Amino acid sequence: MDNFGFLKVAAAVPHVRVGDCDFNAERIVAMAEQAAQRGVEIVAFPELALTGYTCADLL
């Protein structure tokens, strides 16, 4: 938080692979680290970004 009480907030949309949680986690962590370097304090990711949205796509 800065001296005026403001936070820097970001929305991030990583490139994900359906069902590849390890790959998706790496992308999410990389984007979170990049945001932190830019002074972002809160980063919002899409729902189910870790699983690649839905495992039903695999069936």
C-alpha atoms as a PDB file:
ATOM      1  CA  MET A   1       0.000   0.000   0.000  1.00  0.00           C
ATOM      2  CA  ASP A   2       1.372   3.413  -0.882  1.00  0.00           C
ATOM      3  CA  ASN A   3       1.307   6.579   1.233  1.00  0.00           C
ATOM      4  CA  PHE A   4      -2.175   7.448  -0.054  1.00  0.00           C
ATOM      5  CA  GLY A   5      -3.751   4.083   0.838  1.00  0.00           C
ATOM      6  CA  PHE A   6      -3.837   2.703  -2.718  1.00  0.00           C
ATOM      7  CA  LEU A   7      -3.029  -0.854  -3.795  1.00  0.00           C
ATOM      8  CA  LYS A   8      -1.848  -1.938  -7.212  1.00  0.00           C
ATOM      9  CA  VAL A   9      -4.133  -4.727  -8.466  1.00  0.00           C
ATOM     10  CA  ALA A  10      -3.764  -6.797 -11.647  1.00  0.00           C
ATOM     11  CA  ALA A  11      -5.691  -9.396 -13.610  1.00  0.00           C
ATOM     12  CA  ALA A  12      -3.632 -12.165 -15.191  1.00  0.00           C
ATOM     13  CA  VAL A  13      -4.632 -14.732 -17.789  1.00  0.00           C
ATOM     14  CA  PRO A  14      -1.955 -17.413 -18.145  1.00  0.00           C
ATOM     15  CA  HIS A  15      -1.654 -19.737 -21.125  1.00  0.00           C
ATOM     16  CA  VAL A  16      -2.794 -23.069 -19.648  1.00  0.00           C
ATOM     17  CA  ARG A  17      -2.949 -26.709 -20.704  1.00  0.00           C
ATOM     18  CA  VAL A  18      -6.039 -28.717 -19.795  1.00  0.00           C
ATOM     19  CA  GLY A  19      -5.216 -31.211 -17.046  1.00  0.00           C
ATOM     20  CA  ASP A  20      -1.512 -30.239 -16.828  1.00  0.00           C
ATOM     21  CA  CYS A  21      -1.445 -28.795 -13.304  1.00  0.00           C
ATOM     22  CA  ASP A  22       2.354 -28.713 -13.080  1.00  0.00           C
ATOM     23  CA  PHE A  23       2.685 -26.622 -16.256  1.00  0.00           C
ATOM     24  CA  ASN A  24      -0.188 -24.370 -15.217  1.00  0.00           C
ATOM     25  CA  ALA A  25       1.266 -23.838 -11.735  1.00  0.00           C
ATOM     26  CA  GLU A  26       4.612 -22.829 -13.254  1.00  0.00           C
ATOM     27  CA  ARG A  27       2.884 -20.257 -15.475  1.00  0.00           C
ATOM     28  CA  ILE A  28       0.831 -18.892 -12.563  1.00  0.00           C
ATOM     29  CA  VAL A  29       3.903 -18.557 -10.330  1.00  0.00           C
ATOM     30  CA  ALA A  30       5.888 -16.876 -13.115  1.00  0.00           C
ATOM     31  CA  MET A  31       3.109 -14.354 -13.715  1.00  0.00           C
ATOM     32  CA  ALA A  32       2.722 -13.687  -9.980  1.00  0.00           C
ATOM     33  CA  GLU A  33       6.474 -13.057  -9.663  1.00  0.00           C
ATOM     34  CA  GLN A  34       6.408 -10.722 -12.660  1.00  0.00           C
ATOM     35  CA  ALA A  35       3.496  -8.819 -11.139  1.00  0.00           C
ATOM     36  CA  ALA A  36       5.328  -8.526  -7.801  1.00  0.00           C
ATOM     37  CA  GLN A  37       8.352  -7.056  -9.595  1.00  0.00           C
ATOM     38  CA  ARG A  38       6.018  -4.404 -10.995  1.00  0.00           C
ATOM     39  CA  GLY A  39       4.699  -3.532  -7.549  1.00  0.00           C
ATOM     40  CA  VAL A  40       1.401  -5.392  -7.805  1.00  0.00           C
ATOM     41  CA  GLU A  41       0.026  -6.443  -4.427  1.00  0.00           C
ATOM     42  CA  ILE A  42      -3.057  -8.423  -5.519  1.00  0.00           C
ATOM     43  CA  VAL A  43      -3.244 -10.581  -8.666  1.00  0.00           C
ATOM     44  CA  ALA A  44      -6.499 -12.176  -9.825  1.00  0.00           C
ATOM     45  CA  PHE A  45      -6.339 -15.312 -11.976  1.00  0.00           C
ATOM     46  CA  PRO A  46      -9.233 -17.027 -13.799  1.00  0.00           C
ATOM     47  CA  GLU A  47     -11.206 -19.630 -11.903  1.00  0.00           C
ATOM     48  CA  LEU A  48      -9.787 -23.144 -12.248  1.00  0.00           C
ATOM     49  CA  ALA A  49      -6.638 -21.851 -13.981  1.00  0.00           C
ATOM     50  CA  LEU A  50      -4.634 -24.523 -12.169  1.00  0.00           C
ATOM     51  CA  THR A  51      -6.531 -27.402 -13.783  1.00  0.00           C
ATOM     52  CA  GLY A  52      -6.958 -25.709 -17.149  1.00  0.00           C
ATOM     53  CA  TYR A  53     -10.617 -24.941 -16.510  1.00  0.00           C
ATOM     54  CA  THR A  54     -12.315 -28.300 -16.694  1.00  0.00           C
ATOM     55  CA  CYS A  55     -11.239 -31.900 -16.765  1.00  0.00           C
ATOM     56  CA  ALA A  56     -14.400 -32.671 -18.731  1.00  0.00           C
ATOM     57  CA  ASP A  57     -12.471 -31.445 -21.794  1.00  0.00           C
ATOM     58  CA  LEU A  58     -10.289 -34.563 -21.429  1.00  0.00           C
ATOM     59  CA  LEU A  59     -13.224 -36.953 -21.703  1.00  0.00           C
END
